[in-house]
Amino acid sequence: MTIHDFKHSALQNSDSSARLVLRFCLAIVASCSRTDKLRAHGRDIDGALQAGVTWKNTVRPRAERVAQYPNAKTTSGFSRLLDELGAESLLNWHGRKLRTLRALVDVLLEQNVETEDQLLTWLEQPANRERLRQIKGIKNKTADYLAQDIAIDRHLSNFVAEAGVPTNSYGEAHQIIRDAAELLGIETATL
């Protein structure tokens, strides 16, 4: 069975919420993945600073700046860099989001999470995502993003609504998108 046959068969079998979203997705066929994300602690910076700002113009330059410091590829190295240079100076930023970033780094240090791979493994445990959500400024979307899971933002919420699928919560929209990705046979973060 080809992927086309699979999609066609999945769409014919029922009108579940995931299938409605999938039908809508296939109708507009959009490629929404960001392949230019920076590795290492670019994801931490991204998760802490992204809310309410554009990634390309605001977060990316700061992640690129941190990437210039080879020792910042681990949580402890990044933490030392924040201590040495100061977060405001290093990131050319001020305010609440820097406190969120510092709190995130401190939690990762407490849990001995040093690399992105370790972060992903650590976040497989629901209790650890809950631990992140206890940090002021980190909610479901940021925790899911850090786990390389589908992060439901206003665009995806609107997308699901435009597909004709009413949702009452972040969790419900999250599950519908996950189900649609499963029907397509792709990673949720790709969708």
C-alpha atoms as a PDB file:
ATOM      1  CA  MET A   1       0.000   0.000   0.000  1.00  0.00           C
ATOM      2  CA  THR A   2       1.431   3.388  -0.976  1.00  0.00           C
ATOM      3  CA  ILE A   3       1.235   6.432   1.311  1.00  0.00           C
ATOM      4  CA  HIS A   4      -1.367   7.863  -1.102  1.00  0.00           C
ATOM      5  CA  ASP A   5      -3.482   4.706  -0.766  1.00  0.00           C
ATOM      6  CA  PHE A   6      -3.091   4.812   3.008  1.00  0.00           C
ATOM      7  CA  LYS A   7      -4.223   8.438   3.203  1.00  0.00           C
ATOM      8  CA  HIS A   8      -7.138   7.812   0.870  1.00  0.00           C
ATOM      9  CA  SER A   9      -8.230   4.765   2.870  1.00  0.00           C
ATOM     10  CA  ALA A  10      -7.912   6.603   6.183  1.00  0.00           C
ATOM     11  CA  LEU A  11     -10.054   9.440   4.926  1.00  0.00           C
ATOM     12  CA  GLN A  12     -12.763   7.129   3.612  1.00  0.00           C
ATOM     13  CA  ASN A  13     -13.268   5.180   6.834  1.00  0.00           C
ATOM     14  CA  SER A  14     -14.735   7.745   9.215  1.00  0.00           C
ATOM     15  CA  ASP A  15     -15.135  11.380  10.106  1.00  0.00           C
ATOM     16  CA  SER A  16     -13.197  11.384  13.372  1.00  0.00           C
ATOM     17  CA  SER A  17     -11.747  14.706  14.480  1.00  0.00           C
ATOM     18  CA  ALA A  18      -8.265  13.608  13.425  1.00  0.00           C
ATOM     19  CA  ARG A  19      -9.523  12.642   9.985  1.00  0.00           C
ATOM     20  CA  LEU A  20     -11.281  15.982   9.564  1.00  0.00           C
ATOM     21  CA  VAL A  21      -8.060  17.778  10.438  1.00  0.00           C
ATOM     22  CA  LEU A  22      -6.129  15.485   8.116  1.00  0.00           C
ATOM     23  CA  ARG A  23      -8.599  16.117   5.297  1.00  0.00           C
ATOM     24  CA  PHE A  24      -8.215  19.849   5.819  1.00  0.00           C
ATOM     25  CA  CYS A  25      -4.430  19.533   5.979  1.00  0.00           C
ATOM     26  CA  LEU A  26      -4.282  17.538   2.767  1.00  0.00           C
ATOM     27  CA  ALA A  27      -6.551  20.062   1.079  1.00  0.00           C
ATOM     28  CA  ILE A  28      -4.084  22.896   1.632  1.00  0.00           C
ATOM     29  CA  VAL A  29      -0.888  20.795   1.624  1.00  0.00           C
ATOM     30  CA  ALA A  30       1.369  23.097   3.598  1.00  0.00           C
ATOM     31  CA  SER A  31       4.907  22.405   4.670  1.00  0.00           C
ATOM     32  CA  CYS A  32       5.240  23.852   8.147  1.00  0.00           C
ATOM     33  CA  SER A  33       8.430  22.339   9.573  1.00  0.00           C
ATOM     34  CA  ARG A  34      11.315  24.512  10.693  1.00  0.00           C
ATOM     35  CA  THR A  35      14.510  22.799   9.643  1.00  0.00           C
ATOM     36  CA  ASP A  36      16.751  25.711  10.504  1.00  0.00           C
ATOM     37  CA  LYS A  37      16.501  25.308  14.280  1.00  0.00           C
ATOM     38  CA  LEU A  38      19.779  25.448  16.103  1.00  0.00           C
ATOM     39  CA  ARG A  39      20.889  22.503  18.204  1.00  0.00           C
ATOM     40  CA  ALA A  40      22.153  22.388  21.776  1.00  0.00           C
ATOM     41  CA  HIS A  41      20.872  25.167  23.974  1.00  0.00           C
ATOM     42  CA  GLY A  42      19.279  27.017  21.107  1.00  0.00           C
ATOM     43  CA  ARG A  43      16.218  24.928  22.033  1.00  0.00           C
ATOM     44  CA  ASP A  44      16.322  26.154  25.650  1.00  0.00           C
ATOM     45  CA  ILE A  45      16.724  29.740  24.510  1.00  0.00           C
ATOM     46  CA  ASP A  46      13.981  29.229  21.954  1.00  0.00           C
ATOM     47  CA  GLY A  47      11.592  27.719  24.486  1.00  0.00           C
ATOM     48  CA  ALA A  48      12.117  30.458  27.043  1.00  0.00           C
ATOM     49  CA  LEU A  49      12.118  33.473  24.712  1.00  0.00           C
ATOM     50  CA  GLN A  50       9.762  32.461  21.874  1.00  0.00           C
ATOM     51  CA  ALA A  51       6.366  33.319  23.367  1.00  0.00           C
ATOM     52  CA  GLY A  52       4.866  36.334  21.656  1.00  0.00           C
ATOM     53  CA  VAL A  53       7.831  37.085  19.376  1.00  0.00           C
ATOM     54  CA  THR A  54       9.006  36.015  15.941  1.00  0.00           C
ATOM     55  CA  TRP A  55      11.592  33.265  15.921  1.00  0.00           C
ATOM     56  CA  LYS A  56      13.543  34.381  12.874  1.00  0.00           C
ATOM     57  CA  ASN A  57      14.107  37.991  13.880  1.00  0.00           C
ATOM     58  CA  THR A  58      14.155  37.754  17.652  1.00  0.00           C
ATOM     59  CA  VAL A  59      15.142  34.336  18.969  1.00  0.00           C
ATOM     60  CA  ARG A  60      17.397  33.027  16.201  1.00  0.00           C
ATOM     61  CA  PRO A  61      20.044  35.783  16.479  1.00  0.00           C
ATOM     62  CA  ARG A  62      20.330  35.101  20.197  1.00  0.00           C
ATOM     63  CA  ALA A  63      20.629  31.346  19.695  1.00  0.00           C
ATOM     64  CA  GLU A  64      23.296  31.988  17.040  1.00  0.00           C
ATOM     65  CA  ARG A  65      25.203  34.181  19.470  1.00  0.00           C
ATOM     66  CA  VAL A  66      25.220  31.443  22.108  1.00  0.00           C
ATOM     67  CA  ALA A  67      26.282  28.908  19.449  1.00  0.00           C
ATOM     68  CA  GLN A  68      29.536  30.883  19.099  1.00  0.00           C
ATOM     69  CA  TYR A  69      30.563  29.583  22.537  1.00  0.00           C
ATOM     70  CA  PRO A  70      31.526  25.895  22.176  1.00  0.00           C
ATOM     71  CA  ASN A  71      31.382  25.320  25.952  1.00  0.00           C
ATOM     72  CA  ALA A  72      27.698  26.295  25.961  1.00  0.00           C
ATOM     73  CA  LYS A  73      26.680  23.012  24.321  1.00  0.00           C
ATOM     74  CA  THR A  74      25.922  21.476  27.704  1.00  0.00           C
ATOM     75  CA  THR A  75      23.579  22.768  30.361  1.00  0.00           C
ATOM     76  CA  SER A  76      26.400  23.294  32.841  1.00  0.00           C
ATOM     77  CA  GLY A  77      28.503  25.095  30.206  1.00  0.00           C
ATOM     78  CA  PHE A  78      25.564  27.286  29.216  1.00  0.00           C
ATOM     79  CA  SER A  79      24.884  28.033  32.885  1.00  0.00           C
ATOM     80  CA  ARG A  80      28.520  29.107  33.412  1.00  0.00           C
ATOM     81  CA  LEU A  81      28.272  31.343  30.348  1.00  0.00           C
ATOM     82  CA  LEU A  82      25.116  32.956  31.745  1.00  0.00           C
ATOM     83  CA  ASP A  83      26.926  33.502  35.050  1.00  0.00           C
ATOM     84  CA  GLU A  84      30.096  34.903  33.442  1.00  0.00           C
ATOM     85  CA  LEU A  85      28.536  37.231  30.880  1.00  0.00           C
ATOM     86  CA  GLY A  86      25.130  37.789  32.385  1.00  0.00           C
ATOM     87  CA  ALA A  87      21.986  36.737  30.566  1.00  0.00           C
ATOM     88  CA  GLU A  88      21.069  40.336  29.677  1.00  0.00           C
ATOM     89  CA  SER A  89      24.437  40.946  28.056  1.00  0.00           C
ATOM     90  CA  LEU A  90      24.721  37.552  26.362  1.00  0.00           C
ATOM     91  CA  LEU A  91      21.221  37.618  24.897  1.00  0.00           C
ATOM     92  CA  ASN A  92      20.670  41.384  24.636  1.00  0.00           C
ATOM     93  CA  TRP A  93      17.372  40.891  26.454  1.00  0.00           C
ATOM     94  CA  HIS A  94      15.830  41.823  29.771  1.00  0.00           C
ATOM     95  CA  GLY A  95      12.865  40.966  31.929  1.00  0.00           C
ATOM     96  CA  ARG A  96      10.716  37.983  32.816  1.00  0.00           C
ATOM     97  CA  LYS A  97      11.836  35.693  29.981  1.00  0.00           C
ATOM     98  CA  LEU A  98      15.400  35.727  31.260  1.00  0.00           C
ATOM     99  CA  ARG A  99      14.129  34.613  34.671  1.00  0.00           C
ATOM    100  CA  THR A 100      12.253  31.800  32.901  1.00  0.00           C
ATOM    101  CA  LEU A 101      15.407  30.792  31.041  1.00  0.00           C
ATOM    102  CA  ARG A 102      17.474  30.815  34.254  1.00  0.00           C
ATOM    103  CA  ALA A 103      14.846  28.736  36.072  1.00  0.00           C
ATOM    104  CA  LEU A 104      14.779  26.248  33.175  1.00  0.00           C
ATOM    105  CA  VAL A 105      18.569  25.920  33.225  1.00  0.00           C
ATOM    106  CA  ASP A 106      18.512  25.449  37.019  1.00  0.00           C
ATOM    107  CA  VAL A 107      15.925  22.642  36.785  1.00  0.00           C
ATOM    108  CA  LEU A 108      17.960  20.902  34.088  1.00  0.00           C
ATOM    109  CA  LEU A 109      21.100  21.200  36.232  1.00  0.00           C
ATOM    110  CA  GLU A 110      19.217  19.746  39.246  1.00  0.00           C
ATOM    111  CA  GLN A 111      18.158  16.801  37.108  1.00  0.00           C
ATOM    112  CA  ASN A 112      21.627  16.286  35.560  1.00  0.00           C
ATOM    113  CA  VAL A 113      20.257  16.983  32.058  1.00  0.00           C
ATOM    114  CA  GLU A 114      23.288  18.143  30.067  1.00  0.00           C
ATOM    115  CA  THR A 115      22.435  17.542  26.391  1.00  0.00           C
ATOM    116  CA  GLU A 116      19.461  17.807  24.071  1.00  0.00           C
ATOM    117  CA  ASP A 117      19.281  14.002  23.838  1.00  0.00           C
ATOM    118  CA  GLN A 118      19.173  13.784  27.640  1.00  0.00           C
ATOM    119  CA  LEU A 119      16.485  16.469  27.676  1.00  0.00           C
ATOM    120  CA  LEU A 120      14.345  14.511  25.228  1.00  0.00           C
ATOM    121  CA  THR A 121      14.748  11.321  27.266  1.00  0.00           C
ATOM    122  CA  TRP A 122      13.986  13.168  30.513  1.00  0.00           C
ATOM    123  CA  LEU A 123      10.856  14.726  29.002  1.00  0.00           C
ATOM    124  CA  GLU A 124       9.457  11.325  28.026  1.00  0.00           C
ATOM    125  CA  GLN A 125       8.280  11.109  31.637  1.00  0.00           C
ATOM    126  CA  PRO A 126       5.012  13.063  32.167  1.00  0.00           C
ATOM    127  CA  ALA A 127       6.137  14.083  35.663  1.00  0.00           C
ATOM    128  CA  ASN A 128       9.134  15.863  34.141  1.00  0.00           C
ATOM    129  CA  ARG A 129       6.974  17.872  31.737  1.00  0.00           C
ATOM    130  CA  GLU A 130       4.857  18.762  34.748  1.00  0.00           C
ATOM    131  CA  ARG A 131       8.033  19.866  36.552  1.00  0.00           C
ATOM    132  CA  LEU A 132       8.787  22.245  33.680  1.00  0.00           C
ATOM    133  CA  ARG A 133       5.241  23.630  33.767  1.00  0.00           C
ATOM    134  CA  GLN A 134       5.881  24.662  37.382  1.00  0.00           C
ATOM    135  CA  ILE A 135       8.388  27.220  36.093  1.00  0.00           C
ATOM    136  CA  LYS A 136       6.756  30.623  35.715  1.00  0.00           C
ATOM    137  CA  GLY A 137       6.530  31.300  31.976  1.00  0.00           C
ATOM    138  CA  ILE A 138       6.478  27.653  30.865  1.00  0.00           C
ATOM    139  CA  LYS A 139       3.126  26.120  30.018  1.00  0.00           C
ATOM    140  CA  ASN A 140       1.943  23.186  27.919  1.00  0.00           C
ATOM    141  CA  LYS A 141       3.083  24.607  24.588  1.00  0.00           C
ATOM    142  CA  THR A 142       6.651  25.287  25.741  1.00  0.00           C
ATOM    143  CA  ALA A 143       6.962  21.930  27.510  1.00  0.00           C
ATOM    144  CA  ASP A 144       5.718  20.142  24.387  1.00  0.00           C
ATOM    145  CA  TYR A 145       8.057  22.168  22.172  1.00  0.00           C
ATOM    146  CA  LEU A 146      11.063  21.318  24.332  1.00  0.00           C
ATOM    147  CA  ALA A 147      10.079  17.643  24.096  1.00  0.00           C
ATOM    148  CA  GLN A 148       9.966  17.962  20.282  1.00  0.00           C
ATOM    149  CA  ASP A 149       6.272  17.199  20.457  1.00  0.00           C
ATOM    150  CA  ILE A 150       3.497  19.102  18.735  1.00  0.00           C
ATOM    151  CA  ALA A 151       3.148  22.463  20.443  1.00  0.00           C
ATOM    152  CA  ILE A 152      -0.362  23.821  19.977  1.00  0.00           C
ATOM    153  CA  ASP A 153      -0.124  27.536  19.336  1.00  0.00           C
ATOM    154  CA  ARG A 154      -2.835  29.917  18.159  1.00  0.00           C
ATOM    155  CA  HIS A 155      -2.084  29.020  14.546  1.00  0.00           C
ATOM    156  CA  LEU A 156      -2.658  25.302  15.111  1.00  0.00           C
ATOM    157  CA  SER A 157      -5.728  26.026  17.239  1.00  0.00           C
ATOM    158  CA  ASN A 158      -7.121  28.129  14.405  1.00  0.00           C
ATOM    159  CA  PHE A 159      -6.149  25.418  11.910  1.00  0.00           C
ATOM    160  CA  VAL A 160      -8.116  22.789  13.838  1.00  0.00           C
ATOM    161  CA  ALA A 161     -11.085  25.158  14.122  1.00  0.00           C
ATOM    162  CA  GLU A 162     -10.960  25.937  10.378  1.00  0.00           C
ATOM    163  CA  ALA A 163     -11.029  22.192   9.743  1.00  0.00           C
ATOM    164  CA  GLY A 164     -14.420  22.212  11.450  1.00  0.00           C
ATOM    165  CA  VAL A 165     -13.290  20.514  14.645  1.00  0.00           C
ATOM    166  CA  PRO A 166     -14.340  22.229  17.861  1.00  0.00           C
ATOM    167  CA  THR A 167     -11.982  21.772  20.811  1.00  0.00           C
ATOM    168  CA  ASN A 168     -12.353  22.745  24.444  1.00  0.00           C
ATOM    169  CA  SER A 169      -8.784  22.486  25.676  1.00  0.00           C
ATOM    170  CA  TYR A 170      -5.122  22.439  24.776  1.00  0.00           C
ATOM    171  CA  GLY A 171      -5.020  18.706  25.534  1.00  0.00           C
ATOM    172  CA  GLU A 172      -7.905  17.946  23.199  1.00  0.00           C
ATOM    173  CA  ALA A 173      -6.365  19.911  20.307  1.00  0.00           C
ATOM    174  CA  HIS A 174      -3.005  18.266  21.038  1.00  0.00           C
ATOM    175  CA  GLN A 175      -4.498  14.771  20.817  1.00  0.00           C
ATOM    176  CA  ILE A 176      -6.341  15.547  17.571  1.00  0.00           C
ATOM    177  CA  ILE A 177      -3.142  16.791  15.916  1.00  0.00           C
ATOM    178  CA  ARG A 178      -1.237  13.739  17.220  1.00  0.00           C
ATOM    179  CA  ASP A 179      -3.914  11.439  15.792  1.00  0.00           C
ATOM    180  CA  ALA A 180      -3.806  13.241  12.430  1.00  0.00           C
ATOM    181  CA  ALA A 181      -0.013  12.868  12.299  1.00  0.00           C
ATOM    182  CA  GLU A 182      -0.354   9.174  13.120  1.00  0.00           C
ATOM    183  CA  LEU A 183      -2.825   8.750  10.255  1.00  0.00           C
ATOM    184  CA  LEU A 184      -0.252  10.335   7.958  1.00  0.00           C
ATOM    185  CA  GLY A 185       2.532   8.205   9.395  1.00  0.00           C
ATOM    186  CA  ILE A 186       4.663  11.242  10.254  1.00  0.00           C
ATOM    187  CA  GLU A 187       6.190  12.735  13.397  1.00  0.00           C
ATOM    188  CA  THR A 188       3.865  15.162  15.173  1.00  0.00           C
ATOM    189  CA  ALA A 189       6.465  17.923  15.084  1.00  0.00           C
ATOM    190  CA  THR A 190       6.515  17.674  11.280  1.00  0.00           C
ATOM    191  CA  LEU A 191       2.801  18.329  11.020  1.00  0.00           C
END
